[in-house]
């Protein structure tokens, strides 16, 4: 063997090894878009009652300090005045809100949803 290939041998190597240059300039075909999965109908869950609470702030104090409290005591909380308050649904943070008064009753104006909101409950 001389170490040189004839033109026919070279063509055979290219075709047998699938080393052809045909389509080398073509971009790779983009994968077909996946159809978007349909969201399950969650309207059934809309009738389940949940407990919504508003947490103004919190403080950690010793039992001794708590026992020393009287009617004029002030406990400093961990939120600054004017900061949005925590809205919790069944004890889990759901949103930040501010208190509003509507027709003589208190209400909440949601100013920020936490995380994915209720969408996190879907599979």
N, C-alpha and C. Protein backbone atom coordinates (compact mmCIF):
# COMPACT_ATOMS: atom_id res chain seq x y z
N UNK A 1 0.84 -1.17 0.00
CA UNK A 1 0.00 0.00 0.00
C UNK A 1 0.89 1.23 0.00
N UNK A 2 0.60 2.19 -0.82
CA UNK A 2 1.45 3.36 -0.99
C UNK A 2 1.06 4.50 -0.07
N UNK A 3 -0.09 4.42 0.58
CA UNK A 3 -0.53 5.49 1.46
C UNK A 3 -1.34 6.54 0.73
N UNK A 4 -1.54 6.36 -0.56
CA UNK A 4 -2.36 7.30 -1.32
C UNK A 4 -3.64 6.61 -1.74
N UNK A 5 -4.72 7.36 -1.78
CA UNK A 5 -6.01 6.82 -2.18
C UNK A 5 -6.34 7.32 -3.57
N UNK A 6 -6.93 6.42 -4.34
CA UNK A 6 -7.43 6.86 -5.64
C UNK A 6 -8.70 7.66 -5.41
N UNK A 7 -9.12 8.33 -6.42
CA UNK A 7 -10.36 9.12 -6.31
C UNK A 7 -11.54 8.23 -5.97
N UNK A 8 -11.60 7.03 -6.60
CA UNK A 8 -12.73 6.13 -6.33
C UNK A 8 -12.71 5.65 -4.88
N UNK A 9 -11.52 5.30 -4.37
CA UNK A 9 -11.42 4.85 -2.99
C UNK A 9 -11.82 5.96 -2.01
N UNK A 10 -11.41 7.17 -2.31
CA UNK A 10 -11.76 8.32 -1.48
C UNK A 10 -13.27 8.53 -1.45
N UNK A 11 -13.92 8.47 -2.61
CA UNK A 11 -15.38 8.63 -2.69
C UNK A 11 -16.09 7.52 -1.92
N UNK A 12 -15.57 6.28 -2.02
CA UNK A 12 -16.17 5.16 -1.30
C UNK A 12 -16.07 5.37 0.21
N UNK A 13 -14.93 5.87 0.69
CA UNK A 13 -14.76 6.13 2.12
C UNK A 13 -15.74 7.18 2.62
N UNK A 14 -15.90 8.20 1.82
CA UNK A 14 -16.82 9.27 2.22
C UNK A 14 -18.24 8.75 2.28
N UNK A 15 -18.68 8.01 1.27
CA UNK A 15 -20.06 7.53 1.25
C UNK A 15 -20.29 6.43 2.27
N UNK A 16 -19.32 5.55 2.53
CA UNK A 16 -19.49 4.47 3.50
C UNK A 16 -19.48 5.01 4.94
N UNK A 17 -18.67 5.96 5.22
CA UNK A 17 -18.58 6.51 6.57
C UNK A 17 -19.58 7.61 6.84
N UNK A 18 -20.44 7.89 5.90
CA UNK A 18 -21.43 8.96 6.01
C UNK A 18 -20.72 10.27 6.35
N UNK A 19 -19.61 10.50 5.66
CA UNK A 19 -18.86 11.73 5.86
C UNK A 19 -19.13 12.74 4.76
N UNK A 20 -20.23 12.57 4.07
CA UNK A 20 -20.51 13.47 2.96
C UNK A 20 -20.65 14.89 3.46
N UNK A 21 -20.31 15.81 2.61
CA UNK A 21 -20.39 17.21 2.95
C UNK A 21 -21.72 17.81 2.53
N UNK A 22 -22.58 16.99 1.92
CA UNK A 22 -23.89 17.48 1.51
C UNK A 22 -24.66 17.95 2.74
N UNK A 23 -25.19 19.12 2.69
CA UNK A 23 -25.99 19.65 3.79
C UNK A 23 -25.14 20.23 4.91
N UNK A 24 -23.84 20.30 4.75
CA UNK A 24 -23.01 20.84 5.81
C UNK A 24 -23.27 22.33 6.01
N UNK A 25 -23.70 23.00 4.94
CA UNK A 25 -23.97 24.43 5.05
C UNK A 25 -25.37 24.70 5.57
N UNK A 26 -26.22 23.66 5.59
CA UNK A 26 -27.59 23.85 6.04
C UNK A 26 -27.62 23.87 7.57
N UNK A 27 -28.37 24.80 8.14
CA UNK A 27 -28.49 24.80 9.60
C UNK A 27 -29.26 23.58 10.07
N UNK A 28 -28.99 23.18 11.28
CA UNK A 28 -29.71 22.03 11.84
C UNK A 28 -31.18 22.37 11.92
N UNK A 29 -32.00 21.40 11.61
CA UNK A 29 -33.44 21.62 11.63
C UNK A 29 -33.88 21.90 13.06
N UNK A 30 -34.67 22.94 13.23
CA UNK A 30 -35.18 23.28 14.55
C UNK A 30 -36.21 22.25 14.96
N UNK A 31 -36.21 21.85 16.21
CA UNK A 31 -37.22 20.88 16.65
C UNK A 31 -38.61 21.47 16.52
N UNK A 32 -39.55 20.61 16.19
CA UNK A 32 -40.93 21.07 16.05
C UNK A 32 -41.43 21.58 17.38
N UNK A 33 -42.13 22.70 17.39
CA UNK A 33 -42.63 23.24 18.66
C UNK A 33 -43.57 22.23 19.32
N UNK A 34 -43.38 22.04 20.62
CA UNK A 34 -44.23 21.14 21.38
C UNK A 34 -45.57 21.81 21.62
N UNK A 35 -46.65 21.09 21.44
CA UNK A 35 -47.94 21.71 21.77
C UNK A 35 -47.99 21.97 23.27
N UNK A 36 -48.51 23.14 23.62
CA UNK A 36 -48.56 23.52 25.03
C UNK A 36 -49.57 22.63 25.74
N UNK A 37 -49.15 22.09 26.88
CA UNK A 37 -50.04 21.21 27.64
C UNK A 37 -51.22 22.01 28.15
N UNK A 38 -52.38 21.42 28.06
CA UNK A 38 -53.58 22.10 28.54
C UNK A 38 -53.56 22.13 30.06
N UNK A 39 -53.95 23.26 30.60
CA UNK A 39 -54.01 23.39 32.05
C UNK A 39 -55.26 22.67 32.54
N UNK A 40 -55.11 21.95 33.63
CA UNK A 40 -56.29 21.25 34.15
C UNK A 40 -57.34 22.25 34.64
N UNK A 41 -58.58 21.85 34.58
CA UNK A 41 -59.67 22.69 35.05
C UNK A 41 -59.70 22.64 36.58
N UNK A 42 -59.36 23.75 37.20
CA UNK A 42 -59.30 23.81 38.66
C UNK A 42 -60.50 24.51 39.27
N UNK A 43 -61.55 24.72 38.48
CA UNK A 43 -62.71 25.46 38.98
C UNK A 43 -63.35 24.76 40.17
N UNK A 44 -63.25 23.45 40.25
CA UNK A 44 -63.80 22.70 41.37
C UNK A 44 -63.20 23.18 42.69
N UNK A 45 -61.90 23.49 42.68
CA UNK A 45 -61.21 23.90 43.90
C UNK A 45 -61.60 25.30 44.36
N UNK A 46 -62.24 26.07 43.50
CA UNK A 46 -62.64 27.42 43.85
C UNK A 46 -63.65 27.49 44.98
N UNK A 47 -64.29 26.38 45.30
CA UNK A 47 -65.31 26.36 46.35
C UNK A 47 -64.75 25.93 47.70
N UNK A 48 -63.48 25.57 47.75
CA UNK A 48 -62.87 25.14 49.01
C UNK A 48 -62.50 26.37 49.83
N UNK A 49 -62.98 26.45 51.06
CA UNK A 49 -62.65 27.63 51.89
C UNK A 49 -61.19 27.58 52.36
N UNK A 50 -60.57 28.74 52.41
CA UNK A 50 -59.21 28.88 52.94
C UNK A 50 -59.21 30.00 53.96
N UNK A 51 -58.24 29.98 54.83
CA UNK A 51 -58.12 30.98 55.88
C UNK A 51 -57.09 32.02 55.44
N UNK A 52 -57.52 33.25 55.21
CA UNK A 52 -56.62 34.34 54.81
C UNK A 52 -56.38 35.21 56.03
N UNK A 53 -55.10 35.40 56.38
CA UNK A 53 -54.75 36.23 57.52
C UNK A 53 -53.78 37.31 57.09
N UNK A 54 -53.78 38.40 57.84
CA UNK A 54 -52.87 39.51 57.62
C UNK A 54 -51.91 39.56 58.80
N UNK A 55 -50.63 39.41 58.52
CA UNK A 55 -49.63 39.48 59.58
C UNK A 55 -48.98 40.85 59.53
N UNK A 56 -49.20 41.62 60.56
CA UNK A 56 -48.66 42.97 60.62
C UNK A 56 -47.15 42.91 60.79
N UNK A 57 -46.69 42.20 61.79
CA UNK A 57 -45.26 42.07 62.08
C UNK A 57 -45.11 41.05 63.19
N UNK A 58 -43.88 40.83 63.61
CA UNK A 58 -43.65 39.91 64.72
C UNK A 58 -42.47 40.41 65.54
N UNK A 59 -42.32 39.80 66.71
CA UNK A 59 -41.21 40.13 67.58
C UNK A 59 -40.88 38.89 68.40
N UNK A 60 -39.62 38.70 68.67
CA UNK A 60 -39.21 37.60 69.53
C UNK A 60 -38.70 38.21 70.83
N UNK A 61 -39.40 37.88 71.90
CA UNK A 61 -39.01 38.39 73.21
C UNK A 61 -38.94 37.22 74.18
N UNK A 62 -38.29 37.43 75.29
CA UNK A 62 -38.19 36.37 76.29
C UNK A 62 -39.50 36.27 77.07
N UNK A 63 -39.68 35.14 77.67
CA UNK A 63 -40.87 34.94 78.49
C UNK A 63 -40.86 35.92 79.66
N UNK A 64 -39.69 36.22 80.18
CA UNK A 64 -39.56 37.19 81.29
C UNK A 64 -40.08 38.55 80.85
N UNK A 65 -39.69 39.00 79.65
CA UNK A 65 -40.16 40.30 79.14
C UNK A 65 -41.67 40.29 78.94
N UNK A 66 -42.20 39.18 78.46
CA UNK A 66 -43.64 39.07 78.26
C UNK A 66 -44.38 39.13 79.59
N UNK A 67 -43.84 38.49 80.59
CA UNK A 67 -44.48 38.48 81.91
C UNK A 67 -44.45 39.86 82.57
N UNK A 68 -43.51 40.71 82.15
CA UNK A 68 -43.40 42.06 82.72
C UNK A 68 -44.29 43.07 82.00
N UNK A 69 -44.97 42.66 80.94
CA UNK A 69 -45.84 43.58 80.19
C UNK A 69 -47.08 43.95 81.01
N UNK A 70 -47.48 45.21 80.85
CA UNK A 70 -48.74 45.65 81.44
C UNK A 70 -49.48 46.46 80.38
N UNK A 71 -50.53 47.17 80.78
CA UNK A 71 -51.37 47.87 79.81
C UNK A 71 -50.67 49.03 79.10
N UNK A 72 -49.56 49.51 79.60
CA UNK A 72 -48.85 50.62 78.95
C UNK A 72 -47.58 50.15 78.23
N UNK A 73 -47.34 48.86 78.19
CA UNK A 73 -46.11 48.33 77.57
C UNK A 73 -46.17 48.45 76.06
N UNK A 74 -44.98 48.62 75.47
CA UNK A 74 -44.85 48.66 74.01
C UNK A 74 -43.85 47.58 73.60
N UNK A 75 -44.23 46.74 72.67
CA UNK A 75 -43.33 45.72 72.12
C UNK A 75 -42.96 46.17 70.72
N UNK A 76 -41.67 46.33 70.48
CA UNK A 76 -41.20 46.79 69.17
C UNK A 76 -41.26 45.62 68.19
N UNK A 77 -41.88 45.86 67.05
CA UNK A 77 -42.04 44.82 66.02
C UNK A 77 -40.95 44.92 64.96
N UNK A 78 -40.86 43.90 64.11
CA UNK A 78 -39.78 43.81 63.13
C UNK A 78 -40.09 44.43 61.77
N UNK A 79 -41.14 45.22 61.66
CA UNK A 79 -41.45 45.90 60.40
C UNK A 79 -41.47 47.40 60.62
N UNK A 80 -41.07 48.10 59.57
CA UNK A 80 -41.07 49.56 59.60
C UNK A 80 -42.46 50.05 59.19
N UNK A 81 -42.92 51.13 59.80
CA UNK A 81 -44.22 51.70 59.45
C UNK A 81 -44.27 52.02 57.96
N UNK A 82 -45.36 51.66 57.31
CA UNK A 82 -45.52 51.92 55.89
C UNK A 82 -45.08 50.77 55.01
N UNK A 83 -44.37 49.79 55.57
CA UNK A 83 -43.92 48.62 54.82
C UNK A 83 -45.13 47.72 54.55
N UNK A 84 -45.20 47.08 53.34
CA UNK A 84 -46.33 46.18 53.06
C UNK A 84 -46.41 45.05 54.08
N UNK A 85 -47.62 44.61 54.35
CA UNK A 85 -47.87 43.56 55.34
C UNK A 85 -48.00 42.21 54.64
N UNK A 86 -47.78 41.13 55.39
CA UNK A 86 -47.82 39.78 54.82
C UNK A 86 -49.24 39.25 54.81
N UNK A 87 -49.68 38.77 53.66
CA UNK A 87 -50.96 38.08 53.53
C UNK A 87 -50.64 36.59 53.46
N UNK A 88 -51.23 35.84 54.37
CA UNK A 88 -50.97 34.40 54.42
C UNK A 88 -52.26 33.65 54.14
N UNK A 89 -52.13 32.58 53.36
CA UNK A 89 -53.26 31.70 53.08
C UNK A 89 -52.94 30.36 53.74
N UNK A 90 -53.78 30.00 54.69
CA UNK A 90 -53.55 28.79 55.49
C UNK A 90 -52.14 28.74 56.06
N UNK A 91 -51.63 29.89 56.49
CA UNK A 91 -50.33 29.96 57.14
C UNK A 91 -49.14 30.11 56.21
N UNK A 92 -49.36 30.10 54.90
CA UNK A 92 -48.27 30.22 53.92
C UNK A 92 -48.31 31.59 53.27
N UNK A 93 -47.15 32.24 53.16
CA UNK A 93 -47.09 33.58 52.56
C UNK A 93 -47.61 33.54 51.14
N UNK A 94 -48.57 34.40 50.84
CA UNK A 94 -49.19 34.46 49.52
C UNK A 94 -48.88 35.78 48.82
N UNK A 95 -48.89 36.89 49.59
CA UNK A 95 -48.72 38.20 48.97
C UNK A 95 -48.32 39.23 50.01
N UNK A 96 -47.98 40.42 49.52
CA UNK A 96 -47.76 41.60 50.36
C UNK A 96 -48.91 42.55 50.05
N UNK A 97 -49.40 43.24 51.08
CA UNK A 97 -50.56 44.10 50.87
C UNK A 97 -50.52 45.29 51.80
N UNK A 98 -51.40 46.24 51.51
CA UNK A 98 -51.59 47.39 52.38
C UNK A 98 -53.06 47.41 52.79
N UNK A 99 -53.31 47.93 53.97
CA UNK A 99 -54.67 47.99 54.51
C UNK A 99 -55.38 49.19 53.92
N UNK A 100 -56.62 48.99 53.49
CA UNK A 100 -57.47 50.07 52.98
C UNK A 100 -58.80 50.01 53.73
N UNK A 101 -59.53 51.10 53.70
CA UNK A 101 -60.87 51.15 54.30
C UNK A 101 -61.86 51.38 53.17
N UNK A 102 -62.85 50.48 53.08
CA UNK A 102 -63.88 50.59 52.04
C UNK A 102 -65.24 50.49 52.71
N UNK A 103 -66.04 51.54 52.60
CA UNK A 103 -67.39 51.56 53.17
C UNK A 103 -67.37 51.21 54.65
N UNK A 104 -66.40 51.71 55.36
CA UNK A 104 -66.33 51.48 56.79
C UNK A 104 -65.72 50.15 57.20
N UNK A 105 -65.33 49.32 56.26
CA UNK A 105 -64.71 48.03 56.59
C UNK A 105 -63.27 48.02 56.12
N UNK A 106 -62.44 47.25 56.81
CA UNK A 106 -61.05 47.09 56.40
C UNK A 106 -60.98 46.16 55.19
N UNK A 107 -60.00 46.42 54.36
CA UNK A 107 -59.74 45.56 53.21
C UNK A 107 -58.24 45.51 52.94
N UNK A 108 -57.85 44.71 51.99
CA UNK A 108 -56.44 44.57 51.62
C UNK A 108 -56.25 44.90 50.15
N UNK A 109 -55.28 45.72 49.85
CA UNK A 109 -54.90 45.98 48.46
C UNK A 109 -53.59 45.23 48.24
N UNK A 110 -53.63 44.23 47.36
CA UNK A 110 -52.44 43.42 47.06
C UNK A 110 -51.46 44.29 46.27
N UNK A 111 -50.23 44.36 46.77
CA UNK A 111 -49.21 45.15 46.07
C UNK A 111 -48.13 44.26 45.46
N UNK A 112 -48.03 43.01 45.91
CA UNK A 112 -47.02 42.09 45.37
C UNK A 112 -47.41 40.66 45.67
N UNK A 113 -47.41 39.81 44.64
CA UNK A 113 -47.66 38.39 44.86
C UNK A 113 -46.33 37.72 45.16
N UNK A 114 -46.35 36.77 46.04
CA UNK A 114 -45.13 36.06 46.42
C UNK A 114 -44.95 34.82 45.55
N UNK A 115 -43.78 34.72 44.92
CA UNK A 115 -43.49 33.54 44.11
C UNK A 115 -44.46 33.38 42.97
N UNK A 116 -44.86 32.12 42.74
CA UNK A 116 -45.75 31.80 41.63
C UNK A 116 -47.21 31.93 42.00
N UNK A 117 -47.52 32.30 43.21
CA UNK A 117 -48.90 32.41 43.63
C UNK A 117 -49.59 31.06 43.63
N UNK A 118 -50.85 31.03 43.32
CA UNK A 118 -51.60 29.78 43.34
C UNK A 118 -51.24 28.87 42.19
N UNK A 119 -50.57 29.37 41.14
CA UNK A 119 -50.16 28.52 40.03
C UNK A 119 -49.22 27.42 40.48
N UNK A 120 -48.55 27.62 41.60
CA UNK A 120 -47.62 26.60 42.10
C UNK A 120 -48.36 25.33 42.54
N UNK A 121 -49.67 25.41 42.68
CA UNK A 121 -50.45 24.25 43.09
C UNK A 121 -50.78 23.34 41.92
N UNK A 122 -50.61 23.81 40.70
CA UNK A 122 -50.95 22.98 39.54
C UNK A 122 -49.81 22.01 39.24
N UNK A 123 -50.14 20.82 38.72
CA UNK A 123 -49.09 19.84 38.42
C UNK A 123 -48.22 20.23 37.26
